[in-house]
Amino acid sequence: MQANVLDTSTQPVRLSIEQVEGAARLLVEGASDRAVEVDYELDVTSRSGGGTNRAHQRGVARLKPGEPVVLIRLSVSQGPRADWEAKLTVTPRDGTAYSQRLSADDLTE
């Protein structure tokens, strides 16, 4: 099944980034105004002077109304030669799959 790439601001599971000292912190967060169950996968590839690293995490979230949760917290190097990209794919049990992509280019200094 191919996931749609769409505006994820209203979706129950989202990927965000924040700058922390020397790194980018990726957060996969879940929040919903109704009970929902989703399968989620996060693929992250990072490249730097030292080589390439790939991380893959997946799981099932059972979100409850009004109870936001952090599903994944992952930090990647953000040095001068570092480059990374992340893709989150979410498949709600009662809806259409969607995906979200972020990269080092999405961080603002």
Protein backbone atom coordinates (compact mmCIF):
# COMPACT_ATOMS: atom_id res chain seq x y z
CA MET A 1 0.00 0.00 0.00
CA GLN A 2 1.40 3.40 -0.93
CA ALA A 3 0.96 6.16 1.62
CA ASN A 4 -0.35 9.60 0.72
CA VAL A 5 1.90 12.58 1.41
CA LEU A 6 -0.36 15.24 2.89
CA ASP A 7 -0.72 18.00 5.45
CA THR A 8 -0.22 16.10 8.69
CA SER A 9 -1.24 18.91 11.06
CA THR A 10 -4.62 17.26 11.68
CA GLN A 11 -3.38 13.66 11.64
CA PRO A 12 -3.16 11.62 14.86
CA VAL A 13 0.60 10.87 14.57
CA ARG A 14 3.13 13.48 13.44
CA LEU A 15 6.88 13.91 13.02
CA SER A 16 8.59 17.06 14.25
CA ILE A 17 12.15 18.25 14.79
CA GLU A 18 13.85 20.53 17.24
CA GLN A 19 17.41 21.79 17.38
CA VAL A 20 19.39 20.72 20.43
CA GLU A 21 23.06 21.25 21.12
CA GLY A 22 24.97 19.61 18.23
CA ALA A 23 22.01 17.51 17.13
CA ALA A 24 18.50 17.44 15.74
CA ARG A 25 15.90 15.73 17.90
CA LEU A 26 13.18 13.92 15.96
CA LEU A 27 9.89 13.40 17.76
CA VAL A 28 7.04 11.15 16.70
CA GLU A 29 4.04 12.31 18.68
CA GLY A 30 0.49 11.05 18.89
CA ALA A 31 -2.61 13.03 19.81
CA SER A 32 -6.23 12.59 18.84
CA ASP A 33 -9.64 13.90 19.81
CA ARG A 34 -11.04 10.38 19.47
CA ALA A 35 -9.82 6.86 20.23
CA VAL A 36 -7.74 5.59 17.32
CA GLU A 37 -5.27 2.78 16.67
CA VAL A 38 -2.43 3.23 14.19
CA ASP A 39 0.61 1.37 12.93
CA TYR A 40 3.62 3.65 12.48
CA GLU A 41 7.15 3.35 11.04
CA LEU A 42 10.03 5.80 11.18
CA ASP A 43 13.00 5.42 8.84
CA VAL A 44 15.97 7.74 9.36
CA THR A 45 19.14 7.84 7.27
CA SER A 46 22.00 10.07 8.39
CA ARG A 47 25.27 10.74 6.61
CA SER A 48 28.38 12.46 7.92
CA GLY A 49 32.13 12.36 7.43
CA GLY A 50 32.18 9.10 9.39
CA GLY A 51 29.76 7.20 7.14
CA THR A 52 26.07 6.39 6.87
CA ASN A 53 23.70 5.23 9.60
CA ARG A 54 20.13 3.96 9.24
CA ALA A 55 17.56 3.63 12.01
CA HIS A 56 14.18 1.93 11.63
CA GLN A 57 11.55 1.90 14.37
CA ARG A 58 7.94 0.82 14.22
CA GLY A 59 5.06 0.13 16.51
CA VAL A 60 1.35 0.28 17.21
CA ALA A 61 -0.21 3.20 19.07
CA ARG A 62 -3.61 3.14 20.73
CA LEU A 63 -4.35 6.81 21.20
CA LYS A 64 -6.94 8.02 23.69
CA PRO A 65 -8.75 11.36 23.46
CA GLY A 66 -6.94 14.17 25.25
CA GLU A 67 -3.86 12.06 26.09
CA PRO A 68 -0.92 13.13 23.88
CA VAL A 69 2.10 10.81 23.86
CA VAL A 70 5.65 10.76 22.54
CA LEU A 71 6.07 7.51 20.61
CA ILE A 72 9.69 7.98 19.45
CA ARG A 73 12.45 10.39 20.47
CA LEU A 74 15.60 10.10 18.34
CA SER A 75 18.62 12.40 18.02
CA VAL A 76 20.83 12.68 14.93
CA SER A 77 24.14 14.51 14.56
CA GLN A 78 23.82 18.01 13.17
CA GLY A 79 27.51 18.84 12.59
CA PRO A 80 28.79 20.89 9.65
CA ARG A 81 29.00 17.85 7.33
CA ALA A 82 25.97 16.01 8.67
CA ASP A 83 22.97 15.30 6.49
CA TRP A 84 19.88 13.30 7.41
CA GLU A 85 16.40 12.51 6.21
CA ALA A 86 13.45 10.93 7.98
CA LYS A 87 10.23 9.39 6.72
CA LEU A 88 7.28 8.61 8.97
CA THR A 89 4.59 6.31 7.59
CA VAL A 90 1.32 5.97 9.50
CA THR A 91 -1.52 3.55 8.80
CA PRO A 92 -4.66 4.20 10.85
CA ARG A 93 -6.66 1.00 11.35
CA ASP A 94 -9.79 2.84 10.20
CA GLY A 95 -8.40 5.19 7.55
CA THR A 96 -5.96 5.96 4.77
CA ALA A 97 -2.20 5.63 5.21
CA TYR A 98 -0.13 8.81 5.06
CA SER A 99 3.53 9.77 5.26
CA GLN A 100 5.60 12.74 6.33
CA ARG A 101 9.21 13.57 5.41
CA LEU A 102 11.69 15.86 7.11
CA SER A 103 15.40 16.45 6.52
CA ALA A 104 18.35 18.48 7.81
CA ASP A 105 17.24 21.19 5.34
CA ASP A 106 14.04 21.67 7.38
CA LEU A 107 15.97 22.95 10.41
CA THR A 108 16.46 26.68 10.69
CA GLU A 109 19.47 27.96 12.54
